[in-house]
Amino acid sequence: MGSARRRWANLPAILALAATAVTSAGVALAQQPAPPPPAAPTVSDADRLNAREQFASGIEAQQQGRWADALLAFQRAQALFSAPTNMLHMAECMAQLGRLVEAEETYRGLTLLVLPKDSPAPFFAAQAQGAAELQQIQARIPKMRIEVTPANLPNLVVTLDQQAFNAVLLGADRSVDPGAHTVTAFAPGYGQKEVKVVVHEKEPTKVVTVELQPSGVVYTPIAQAPQNLAPLPPAVGPAPPYYTQQQQPLPPARGAEAPPYTPPPPKPKPPGASWLLGVRAGINLMGGGLLPTNSNANASNTNSISLSDAFATGGVFGLQGGIRFARNFYAGVIYEHTFAGGGGNTTSLPNYYTGQQTGFGPNGTSVSTYGNMIAADLGYISNPDGVGIVLDVAAAYRVIGLTTSNNAFSASYNGPEIILGGGIWIAAGPNVRIVPRLDLGIGSFGGEGVSVQCPTGGCSNSTTSIANAPTHVIAFLGLGGYWNLNLGHKEPQPPR
């Protein structure tokens, strides 16, 4: 009995000792440092190098219009090193391949990235460009509305291009890629029906109605589905890309989940404008009139003078330049210099002004001619980055002149022209454009300057206007070349 009392008397001391031990252990545990967070995965130098190489390969394929090859290269670069520059070009290639829905999601993922402040400048540039191109791609995406009648059929199964279609989207507009699509609907007791439809870019909502007819088969539900029936695969859709330096697996190959889509022929459309700087060379063919009928009774030639009488076919060398804008249009200036000899009847021109032929004819003398032309040009190019047609119109001012070797006679003529021209536009490389062309300059020379030194005296210089000047035609036949320099669009640099 005394022993029991002693044990109960020591109980408060034992409890106090236990509480002290627990408190001390808690304090000790609280003072231990928390474990460090797991280190972020790093990208090796080899992966960075391979990412750059894949990016460069993608850029080259994209410039050549090989969109599928370019997309694969950019996807590989993204798998090695996730970067906004890869995502921008992936979206552009998807758009060219007709995969507009996937392109929109990639653009959207690019715009939603939260980039660290110390990210490279090309990353921010790619994100800004992606936001602008997102608006363009959204305007191109068509929509489809699938309706099944009768409505609200039990156990209805709908597929779009052999992929499960969520029933909550029946009767609602759904974004789809342009091209051929197949809608299939099945319901027990109604059989199955398939509808094929073609959807085009920017087309109003395409309504597809699948009308199921009773099949006469009585549907009896079973308690449990057979074990050998696999469930429908989940809907396949691109996961939104994100900004991280984790290594990502390559995306699955496309083509098994949907019927192949045949895109239209590639039409590269580089954004922005471009400078066009170049030269032209060829010949000028003279036609039409130069001077009207002469009323000078003292002149030995009172007839009109044709342009080919005084000016022969001449060689032409010129400079040309301007800017291409809105993809297919350009505006610029042209300068041409012409050099040649005298025409078919050079004596008719000096005799037009005087009645004295001595010293003006071919006896002991020769005739040289020249010309200068400057024009403001506006044109249209059907295919700036391939082979196409170029058509243009220009407002020009031309000066032509003639001089005899003995300096006894010289004359110059000037006036405005309208030039109508065209040719074949050939893209001979990323920056070289070659244009064989034909231009027709139509106008009249309303001003003249004449210097005459008559052997017998009595002749003088004059600068006058020409009344009733006849119409002339000067045809340029030759070859032009441009150096094409794109503006306002620089390819983002590969990740560093």
Protein backbone atom coordinates (compact mmCIF):
# COMPACT_ATOMS: atom_id res chain seq x y z
CA MET A 1 0.00 0.00 0.00
CA GLY A 2 2.85 2.39 0.84
CA SER A 3 4.60 1.41 -2.39
CA ALA A 4 1.52 2.36 -4.45
CA ARG A 5 1.23 5.67 -2.75
CA ARG A 6 4.87 6.42 -3.64
CA ARG A 7 4.29 5.62 -7.33
CA TRP A 8 1.25 7.94 -7.52
CA ALA A 9 3.13 10.63 -5.65
CA ASN A 10 5.87 10.62 -8.36
CA LEU A 11 3.36 10.85 -11.27
CA PRO A 12 3.39 14.71 -11.52
CA ALA A 13 7.17 14.71 -11.76
CA ILE A 14 7.15 12.04 -14.45
CA LEU A 15 4.57 13.95 -16.55
CA ALA A 16 6.52 17.20 -16.23
CA LEU A 17 9.69 15.45 -17.36
CA ALA A 18 7.90 13.98 -20.42
CA ALA A 19 6.44 17.36 -21.41
CA THR A 20 9.89 18.92 -21.19
CA ALA A 21 11.34 16.24 -23.44
CA VAL A 22 8.60 16.66 -26.06
CA THR A 23 9.02 20.46 -26.08
CA SER A 24 12.77 20.18 -26.45
CA ALA A 25 12.40 17.77 -29.38
CA GLY A 26 9.92 20.11 -31.08
CA VAL A 27 12.26 23.06 -30.69
CA ALA A 28 15.12 21.01 -32.08
CA LEU A 29 13.07 19.97 -35.10
CA ALA A 30 11.90 23.55 -35.70
CA GLN A 31 15.49 24.76 -35.73
CA GLN A 32 16.53 22.31 -38.46
CA PRO A 33 16.79 24.04 -41.95
CA ALA A 34 14.18 23.17 -44.57
CA PRO A 35 15.44 20.99 -47.43
CA PRO A 36 16.47 23.03 -50.53
CA PRO A 37 14.08 23.04 -53.51
CA PRO A 38 15.02 20.75 -56.38
CA ALA A 39 17.36 22.38 -58.87
CA ALA A 40 15.86 23.45 -62.17
CA PRO A 41 16.93 21.25 -65.05
CA THR A 42 19.67 22.77 -67.15
CA VAL A 43 20.27 22.62 -70.88
CA SER A 44 23.61 21.26 -71.96
CA ASP A 45 25.88 23.07 -74.39
CA ALA A 46 25.37 20.23 -76.87
CA ASP A 47 21.59 20.69 -76.77
CA ARG A 48 21.96 24.45 -77.27
CA LEU A 49 24.20 23.88 -80.29
CA ASN A 50 21.83 21.30 -81.77
CA ALA A 51 18.88 23.65 -81.16
CA ARG A 52 20.63 26.40 -83.12
CA GLU A 53 21.39 24.02 -85.97
CA GLN A 54 17.78 22.82 -86.15
CA PHE A 55 16.55 26.43 -86.03
CA ALA A 56 18.83 27.43 -88.92
CA SER A 57 17.70 24.37 -90.90
CA GLY A 58 14.08 25.35 -90.29
CA ILE A 59 14.68 28.93 -91.47
CA GLU A 60 16.25 27.67 -94.70
CA ALA A 61 13.39 25.25 -95.39
CA GLN A 62 10.81 27.94 -94.58
CA GLN A 63 12.37 30.40 -97.03
CA GLN A 64 12.24 27.70 -99.73
CA GLY A 65 8.56 26.95 -99.06
CA ARG A 66 9.23 23.45 -97.61
CA TRP A 67 6.78 23.98 -94.78
CA ALA A 68 6.59 20.40 -93.45
CA ASP A 69 10.39 20.09 -93.25
CA ALA A 70 10.62 23.51 -91.63
CA LEU A 71 7.97 22.64 -89.02
CA LEU A 72 9.76 19.43 -88.06
CA ALA A 73 13.06 21.30 -87.65
CA PHE A 74 11.48 23.96 -85.43
CA GLN A 75 9.74 21.28 -83.33
CA ARG A 76 13.08 19.58 -82.80
CA ALA A 77 14.66 22.88 -81.78
CA GLN A 78 11.77 23.49 -79.36
CA ALA A 79 12.21 20.03 -77.85
CA LEU A 80 15.88 20.75 -77.21
CA PHE A 81 15.46 24.34 -76.01
CA SER A 82 12.02 25.88 -75.55
CA ALA A 83 12.03 29.43 -76.95
CA PRO A 84 9.51 31.94 -78.34
CA THR A 85 11.43 32.12 -81.62
CA ASN A 86 10.79 28.41 -82.23
CA MET A 87 7.10 28.80 -81.40
CA LEU A 88 6.67 31.74 -83.79
CA HIS A 89 8.05 29.81 -86.76
CA MET A 90 6.17 26.64 -85.80
CA ALA A 91 2.91 28.60 -85.93
CA GLU A 92 3.82 30.18 -89.30
CA CYS A 93 4.57 26.75 -90.81
CA MET A 94 1.35 25.27 -89.40
CA ALA A 95 -0.61 28.11 -91.00
CA GLN A 96 1.02 27.46 -94.39
CA LEU A 97 0.18 23.74 -94.10
CA GLY A 98 -3.50 24.54 -93.51
CA ARG A 99 -3.38 23.58 -89.80
CA LEU A 100 -4.93 26.88 -88.77
CA VAL A 101 -6.46 25.71 -85.48
CA GLU A 102 -3.15 24.32 -84.28
CA ALA A 103 -1.40 27.47 -85.49
CA GLU A 104 -3.81 29.66 -83.52
CA GLU A 105 -3.21 27.72 -80.31
CA THR A 106 0.55 27.95 -80.80
CA TYR A 107 0.32 31.71 -81.41
CA ARG A 108 -1.89 32.07 -78.34
CA GLY A 109 0.53 30.09 -76.19
CA LEU A 110 3.34 32.34 -77.43
CA THR A 111 1.48 35.52 -76.50
CA LEU A 112 0.68 34.18 -72.99
CA LEU A 113 4.31 33.50 -72.11
CA VAL A 114 5.69 35.39 -69.13
CA LEU A 115 9.26 36.06 -70.18
CA PRO A 116 11.96 36.85 -67.62
CA LYS A 117 13.18 40.44 -67.86
CA ASP A 118 16.67 39.29 -68.85
CA SER A 119 15.42 37.22 -71.81
CA PRO A 120 17.13 37.91 -75.18
CA ALA A 121 15.65 40.71 -77.27
CA PRO A 122 14.64 38.31 -80.12
CA PHE A 123 12.36 36.50 -77.65
CA PHE A 124 10.38 39.70 -76.96
CA ALA A 125 10.35 40.51 -80.71
CA ALA A 126 9.00 37.02 -81.54
CA GLN A 127 6.25 37.38 -78.91
CA ALA A 128 5.20 40.80 -80.29
CA GLN A 129 5.18 39.49 -83.86
CA GLY A 130 3.19 36.44 -82.78
CA ALA A 131 0.52 38.67 -81.25
CA ALA A 132 0.16 40.54 -84.57
CA GLU A 133 0.03 37.33 -86.65
CA LEU A 134 -2.50 35.78 -84.23
CA GLN A 135 -5.08 38.35 -85.31
CA GLN A 136 -4.43 37.53 -88.97
CA ILE A 137 -4.77 33.78 -88.46
CA GLN A 138 -7.99 34.13 -86.45
CA ALA A 139 -9.64 35.88 -89.39
CA ARG A 140 -8.80 32.92 -91.65
CA ILE A 141 -10.13 30.07 -89.49
CA PRO A 142 -13.52 28.73 -90.67
CA LYS A 143 -16.16 27.29 -88.35
CA MET A 144 -18.43 24.27 -88.56
CA ARG A 145 -21.73 23.57 -86.78
CA ILE A 146 -22.77 19.93 -86.51
CA GLU A 147 -26.43 19.12 -85.93
CA VAL A 148 -27.88 15.63 -85.55
CA THR A 149 -31.55 14.85 -86.03
CA PRO A 150 -33.52 13.55 -84.25
CA ALA A 151 -32.13 15.50 -81.33
CA ASN A 152 -31.22 14.07 -77.93
CA LEU A 153 -30.83 10.48 -79.07
CA PRO A 154 -29.62 8.20 -76.26
CA ASN A 155 -26.10 6.77 -76.56
CA LEU A 156 -25.36 8.97 -79.59
CA VAL A 157 -21.77 8.77 -80.84
CA VAL A 158 -20.41 11.45 -83.19
CA THR A 159 -16.95 11.59 -84.73
CA LEU A 160 -15.22 14.28 -86.78
CA ASP A 161 -12.47 12.97 -89.03
CA GLN A 162 -12.47 9.69 -87.06
CA GLN A 163 -11.97 11.50 -83.75
CA ALA A 164 -14.53 11.56 -80.97
CA PHE A 165 -16.68 14.68 -81.03
CA ASN A 166 -17.85 16.00 -77.69
CA ALA A 167 -21.66 15.98 -77.66
CA VAL A 168 -21.81 19.29 -75.76
CA LEU A 169 -20.59 21.00 -78.99
CA LEU A 170 -23.52 19.77 -81.07
CA GLY A 171 -25.36 22.80 -82.41
CA ALA A 172 -22.43 25.12 -81.56
CA ASP A 173 -19.88 26.72 -83.87
CA ARG A 174 -16.53 24.92 -83.73
CA SER A 175 -13.25 26.03 -85.29
CA VAL A 176 -11.87 23.62 -87.91
CA ASP A 177 -9.04 23.58 -90.40
CA PRO A 178 -9.89 24.35 -94.04
CA GLY A 179 -10.18 21.30 -96.27
CA ALA A 180 -12.20 18.09 -96.50
CA HIS A 181 -13.88 16.74 -93.35
CA THR A 182 -15.98 13.67 -92.55
CA VAL A 183 -18.75 13.70 -89.91
CA THR A 184 -20.10 10.35 -88.71
CA ALA A 185 -23.05 9.82 -86.33
CA PHE A 186 -24.32 6.57 -84.80
CA ALA A 187 -27.14 5.81 -82.39
CA PRO A 188 -28.54 2.39 -81.40
CA GLY A 189 -31.71 1.74 -83.33
CA TYR A 190 -30.83 4.38 -85.94
CA GLY A 191 -27.76 2.95 -87.57
CA GLN A 192 -24.84 5.03 -88.81
CA LYS A 193 -24.58 7.87 -91.34
CA GLU A 194 -21.55 9.64 -92.78
CA VAL A 195 -21.47 13.15 -94.28
CA LYS A 196 -18.51 14.63 -96.16
CA VAL A 197 -18.02 18.37 -96.42
CA VAL A 198 -15.36 20.81 -97.66
CA VAL A 199 -14.66 23.99 -95.71
CA HIS A 200 -12.76 26.98 -97.06
CA GLU A 201 -10.81 29.76 -95.35
CA LYS A 202 -12.81 32.78 -94.17
CA GLU A 203 -16.04 30.97 -95.12
CA PRO A 204 -19.18 31.68 -93.07
CA THR A 205 -20.11 28.99 -90.58
CA LYS A 206 -20.64 25.68 -92.41
CA VAL A 207 -23.73 23.92 -91.03
CA VAL A 208 -23.55 20.11 -91.33
CA THR A 209 -26.80 18.28 -90.63
CA VAL A 210 -26.70 14.51 -90.10
CA GLU A 211 -30.18 12.98 -90.35
CA LEU A 212 -30.41 9.52 -88.79
CA GLN A 213 -33.24 7.22 -89.81
CA PRO A 214 -34.65 4.44 -87.63
CA SER A 215 -33.03 1.16 -88.61
CA GLY A 216 -35.67 -1.14 -87.12
CA VAL A 217 -33.10 -2.79 -84.86
CA VAL A 218 -34.25 -3.00 -81.23
CA TYR A 219 -31.51 -1.93 -78.87
CA THR A 220 -31.25 -3.92 -75.67
CA PRO A 221 -28.75 -2.48 -73.18
CA ILE A 222 -26.38 -5.00 -71.60
CA ALA A 223 -25.18 -4.98 -68.04
CA GLN A 224 -21.50 -4.86 -68.91
CA ALA A 225 -19.65 -4.07 -72.08
CA PRO A 226 -17.60 -6.89 -73.60
CA GLN A 227 -14.02 -6.86 -72.37
CA ASN A 228 -12.58 -6.91 -75.89
CA LEU A 229 -14.10 -3.54 -76.81
CA ALA A 230 -11.57 -0.78 -76.25
CA PRO A 231 -12.91 2.60 -75.15
CA LEU A 232 -12.89 5.48 -77.59
CA PRO A 233 -9.53 7.27 -77.59
CA PRO A 234 -9.49 10.70 -75.96
CA ALA A 235 -9.75 13.72 -78.23
CA VAL A 236 -6.36 14.67 -79.60
CA GLY A 237 -5.41 18.29 -79.39
CA PRO A 238 -2.15 20.24 -79.14
CA ALA A 239 -1.09 21.03 -75.60
CA PRO A 240 -0.45 24.77 -75.14
CA PRO A 241 3.27 25.47 -75.47
CA TYR A 242 5.00 27.08 -72.53
CA TYR A 243 8.27 28.82 -71.76
CA THR A 244 10.70 26.61 -69.90
CA GLN A 245 14.18 25.28 -70.30
CA GLN A 246 13.06 21.69 -69.71
CA GLN A 247 13.75 19.22 -72.45
CA GLN A 248 10.48 18.30 -74.15
CA PRO A 249 9.77 15.13 -76.14
CA LEU A 250 9.14 15.47 -79.83
CA PRO A 251 5.42 15.89 -80.65
CA PRO A 252 3.68 12.86 -82.10
CA ALA A 253 3.62 12.48 -85.85
CA ARG A 254 0.51 13.98 -87.42
CA GLY A 255 -1.51 12.06 -89.91
CA ALA A 256 -2.65 8.94 -88.09
CA GLU A 257 -5.49 10.66 -86.27
CA ALA A 258 -7.08 12.48 -89.23
CA PRO A 259 -7.34 12.04 -92.99
CA PRO A 260 -4.43 13.70 -94.79
CA TYR A 261 -4.94 17.31 -95.73
CA THR A 262 -3.60 18.45 -99.08
CA PRO A 263 -2.56 22.09 -98.68
CA PRO A 264 -2.69 24.56 -101.56
CA PRO A 265 0.57 25.31 -103.37
CA PRO A 266 2.85 27.29 -101.06
CA LYS A 267 2.69 31.03 -101.51
CA PRO A 268 5.47 32.62 -99.48
CA LYS A 269 4.34 35.98 -98.19
CA PRO A 270 7.12 37.81 -96.52
CA PRO A 271 5.68 40.54 -94.30
CA GLY A 272 6.53 44.20 -94.69
CA ALA A 273 7.91 46.10 -97.67
CA SER A 274 11.19 45.90 -99.58
CA TRP A 275 13.59 48.20 -101.37
CA LEU A 276 14.14 47.57 -105.09
CA LEU A 277 17.42 48.93 -106.46
CA GLY A 278 18.72 48.05 -109.91
CA VAL A 279 19.72 48.77 -113.50
CA ARG A 280 18.26 48.29 -116.97
CA ALA A 281 19.76 47.99 -120.44
CA GLY A 282 18.36 47.55 -123.93
CA ILE A 283 17.48 49.51 -127.08
CA ASN A 284 15.08 52.32 -127.97
CA LEU A 285 13.08 52.00 -131.20
CA MET A 286 11.92 55.35 -132.64
CA GLY A 287 8.51 55.82 -134.23
CA GLY A 288 5.94 58.53 -134.93
CA GLY A 289 6.50 62.22 -135.62
CA LEU A 290 9.08 64.74 -134.42
CA LEU A 291 8.16 68.03 -136.16
CA PRO A 292 4.97 69.21 -137.89
CA THR A 293 4.74 70.58 -141.44
CA ASN A 294 7.15 73.54 -141.83
CA SER A 295 5.64 76.90 -142.77
CA ASN A 296 9.09 78.45 -143.44
CA ALA A 297 9.09 79.21 -147.15
CA ASN A 298 12.88 79.56 -147.17
CA ALA A 299 13.40 76.03 -145.94
CA SER A 300 14.23 73.43 -148.53
CA ASN A 301 12.17 70.87 -146.59
CA THR A 302 8.64 71.98 -145.82
CA ASN A 303 7.35 68.50 -145.00
CA SER A 304 6.90 67.09 -141.49
CA ILE A 305 9.84 65.25 -139.91
CA SER A 306 9.46 61.76 -138.45
CA LEU A 307 11.39 60.73 -135.38
CA SER A 308 13.21 57.97 -137.26
CA ASP A 309 14.46 60.49 -139.88
CA ALA A 310 16.66 62.18 -137.31
CA PHE A 311 17.23 59.54 -134.62
CA ALA A 312 18.36 55.98 -135.16
CA THR A 313 17.73 52.99 -132.92
CA GLY A 314 19.94 53.54 -129.89
CA GLY A 315 21.40 51.69 -126.97
CA VAL A 316 19.98 52.42 -123.54
CA PHE A 317 21.46 52.20 -120.06
CA GLY A 318 19.51 53.23 -116.99
CA LEU A 319 19.09 53.13 -113.23
CA GLN A 320 15.87 52.24 -111.42
CA GLY A 321 14.76 52.00 -107.83
CA GLY A 322 11.79 52.17 -105.54
CA ILE A 323 9.89 50.42 -102.78
CA ARG A 324 7.51 47.45 -102.89
CA PHE A 325 4.53 47.74 -100.56
CA ALA A 326 1.30 45.83 -99.77
CA ARG A 327 3.14 42.77 -101.16
CA ASN A 328 2.15 43.23 -104.82
CA PHE A 329 2.61 46.96 -105.54
CA TYR A 330 5.65 49.15 -105.99
CA ALA A 331 6.49 52.79 -106.65
CA GLY A 332 9.81 54.14 -107.89
CA VAL A 333 11.80 56.25 -110.31
CA ILE A 334 13.61 55.47 -113.59
CA TYR A 335 16.51 57.26 -115.31
CA GLU A 336 17.61 56.33 -118.84
CA HIS A 337 20.39 57.57 -121.10
CA THR A 338 20.29 56.84 -124.85
CA PHE A 339 23.18 57.08 -127.30
CA ALA A 340 23.01 56.47 -131.07
CA GLY A 341 23.74 57.86 -134.52
CA GLY A 342 21.67 59.74 -137.01
CA GLY A 343 18.43 58.46 -138.46
CA GLY A 344 17.46 57.58 -142.00
CA ASN A 345 17.49 61.17 -143.34
CA THR A 346 19.68 63.44 -141.20
CA THR A 347 19.83 66.21 -143.83
CA SER A 348 16.09 66.72 -143.58
CA LEU A 349 16.38 68.13 -140.07
CA PRO A 350 18.81 71.04 -140.69
CA ASN A 351 17.10 71.79 -144.00
CA TYR A 352 13.84 71.98 -142.08
CA TYR A 353 15.08 75.22 -140.50
CA THR A 354 17.08 76.75 -143.44
CA GLY A 355 17.18 76.52 -147.17
CA GLN A 356 20.93 75.83 -147.17
CA GLN A 357 22.14 72.28 -147.34
CA THR A 358 25.87 73.00 -147.54
CA GLY A 359 27.70 71.67 -144.54
CA PHE A 360 24.77 69.86 -143.07
CA GLY A 361 24.66 66.69 -145.06
CA PRO A 362 26.66 63.50 -144.74
CA ASN A 363 29.41 64.91 -146.99
CA GLY A 364 32.33 65.18 -144.59
CA THR A 365 30.16 65.19 -141.51
CA SER A 366 28.60 62.66 -139.16
CA VAL A 367 25.68 62.87 -136.79
CA SER A 368 25.42 61.70 -133.20
CA THR A 369 22.27 61.63 -131.08
CA TYR A 370 21.55 61.29 -127.40
CA GLY A 371 18.60 61.13 -125.04
CA ASN A 372 17.78 61.40 -121.35
CA MET A 373 14.56 60.37 -119.64
CA ILE A 374 13.37 60.46 -116.03
CA ALA A 375 10.08 58.95 -114.86
CA ALA A 376 7.97 58.28 -111.76
CA ASP A 377 6.74 54.70 -111.90
CA LEU A 378 3.83 52.79 -110.29
CA GLY A 379 3.41 49.07 -110.86
CA TYR A 380 1.87 45.72 -109.88
CA ILE A 381 3.73 42.40 -109.40
CA SER A 382 1.60 39.25 -109.42
CA ASN A 383 4.14 37.04 -107.59
CA PRO A 384 7.01 38.98 -105.97
CA ASP A 385 8.77 35.84 -104.68
CA GLY A 386 8.47 33.63 -107.74
CA VAL A 387 7.71 33.96 -111.44
CA GLY A 388 4.91 36.36 -112.31
CA ILE A 389 3.75 39.25 -114.44
CA VAL A 390 4.67 42.89 -113.81
CA LEU A 391 2.55 45.75 -115.18
CA ASP A 392 3.29 49.44 -114.65
CA VAL A 393 2.56 52.97 -115.77
CA ALA A 394 4.91 55.97 -115.50
CA ALA A 395 4.82 59.72 -115.99
CA ALA A 396 8.03 60.73 -117.77
CA TYR A 397 9.91 63.71 -119.18
CA ARG A 398 12.29 63.09 -122.09
CA VAL A 399 15.00 65.17 -123.82
CA ILE A 400 16.65 64.07 -127.07
CA GLY A 401 19.32 65.82 -129.09
CA LEU A 402 21.33 65.72 -132.32
CA THR A 403 24.74 67.21 -133.21
CA THR A 404 26.81 67.21 -136.43
CA SER A 405 30.52 66.49 -136.18
CA ASN A 406 31.43 69.87 -137.71
CA ASN A 407 29.26 71.66 -135.12
CA ALA A 408 27.35 73.35 -137.93
CA PHE A 409 24.05 72.17 -136.54
CA SER A 410 22.64 70.94 -133.23
CA ALA A 411 19.11 70.59 -131.98
CA SER A 412 17.38 69.30 -128.85
CA TYR A 413 13.73 68.48 -128.19
CA ASN A 414 11.85 67.93 -124.96
CA GLY A 415 8.40 67.01 -123.78
CA PRO A 416 6.31 64.82 -121.43
CA GLU A 417 5.40 61.19 -121.97
CA ILE A 418 3.16 58.50 -120.57
CA ILE A 419 4.92 55.12 -120.42
CA LEU A 420 2.96 51.87 -120.42
CA GLY A 421 5.00 48.77 -119.79
CA GLY A 422 5.16 45.22 -118.59
CA GLY A 423 7.27 42.12 -118.45
CA ILE A 424 8.06 38.88 -116.68
CA TRP A 425 9.12 39.08 -113.03
CA ILE A 426 11.61 36.32 -112.14
CA ALA A 427 12.88 35.72 -108.59
CA ALA A 428 16.38 34.39 -109.27
CA GLY A 429 17.30 34.09 -105.58
CA PRO A 430 16.46 35.48 -102.15
CA ASN A 431 17.52 39.00 -103.17
CA VAL A 432 17.80 39.02 -106.99
CA ARG A 433 14.95 39.84 -109.37
CA ILE A 434 15.28 39.77 -113.19
CA VAL A 435 12.69 41.47 -115.44
CA PRO A 436 12.72 41.19 -119.26
CA ARG A 437 10.31 43.91 -120.35
CA LEU A 438 8.78 46.10 -123.08
CA ASP A 439 7.85 49.77 -122.46
CA LEU A 440 6.01 52.14 -124.81
CA GLY A 441 6.59 55.89 -124.27
CA ILE A 442 3.85 57.97 -125.89
CA GLY A 443 4.09 61.77 -126.06
CA SER A 444 5.12 64.78 -128.11
CA PHE A 445 8.07 67.18 -128.05
CA GLY A 446 6.61 70.60 -127.39
CA GLY A 447 9.90 72.42 -126.90
CA GLU A 448 13.02 72.78 -129.04
CA GLY A 449 16.44 74.40 -128.98
CA VAL A 450 18.27 74.82 -132.31
CA SER A 451 21.76 76.12 -133.12
CA VAL A 452 22.57 76.71 -136.82
CA GLN A 453 25.80 78.03 -138.35
CA CYS A 454 25.07 78.69 -142.01
CA PRO A 455 28.15 78.92 -144.31
CA THR A 456 26.68 81.99 -145.98
CA GLY A 457 25.58 83.60 -142.75
CA GLY A 458 22.16 84.70 -141.71
CA CYS A 459 21.45 81.78 -139.35
CA SER A 460 21.08 82.01 -135.59
CA ASN A 461 20.22 80.06 -132.46
CA SER A 462 16.64 79.74 -131.25
CA THR A 463 14.72 78.21 -128.37
CA THR A 464 11.01 78.01 -129.03
CA SER A 465 7.94 75.93 -128.41
CA ILE A 466 6.57 73.71 -131.15
CA ALA A 467 2.96 74.25 -132.09
CA ASN A 468 0.95 71.21 -133.16
CA ALA A 469 3.79 68.84 -132.32
CA PRO A 470 2.99 65.35 -133.63
CA THR A 471 2.76 62.27 -131.40
CA HIS A 472 5.73 59.97 -131.14
CA VAL A 473 6.23 56.46 -129.76
CA ILE A 474 9.55 55.31 -128.29
CA ALA A 475 9.69 51.60 -127.47
CA PHE A 476 12.19 50.28 -124.93
CA LEU A 477 13.03 46.59 -125.31
CA GLY A 478 15.47 45.23 -122.78
CA LEU A 479 16.28 43.61 -119.49
CA GLY A 480 16.09 44.99 -115.96
CA GLY A 481 17.48 43.71 -112.70
CA TYR A 482 16.70 44.52 -109.06
CA TRP A 483 18.34 43.89 -105.73
CA ASN A 484 15.45 43.10 -103.35
CA LEU A 485 16.03 44.10 -99.70
CA ASN A 486 13.22 43.29 -97.28
CA LEU A 487 12.21 45.96 -94.76
CA GLY A 488 10.41 45.83 -91.45
CA HIS A 489 10.98 42.09 -90.88
CA LYS A 490 14.13 40.49 -89.52
CA GLU A 491 14.29 36.83 -88.70
CA PRO A 492 14.62 36.32 -84.91
CA GLN A 493 17.97 34.91 -83.91
CA PRO A 494 18.17 31.31 -82.67
CA PRO A 495 18.24 30.77 -78.87
CA ARG A 496 21.52 31.48 -77.14
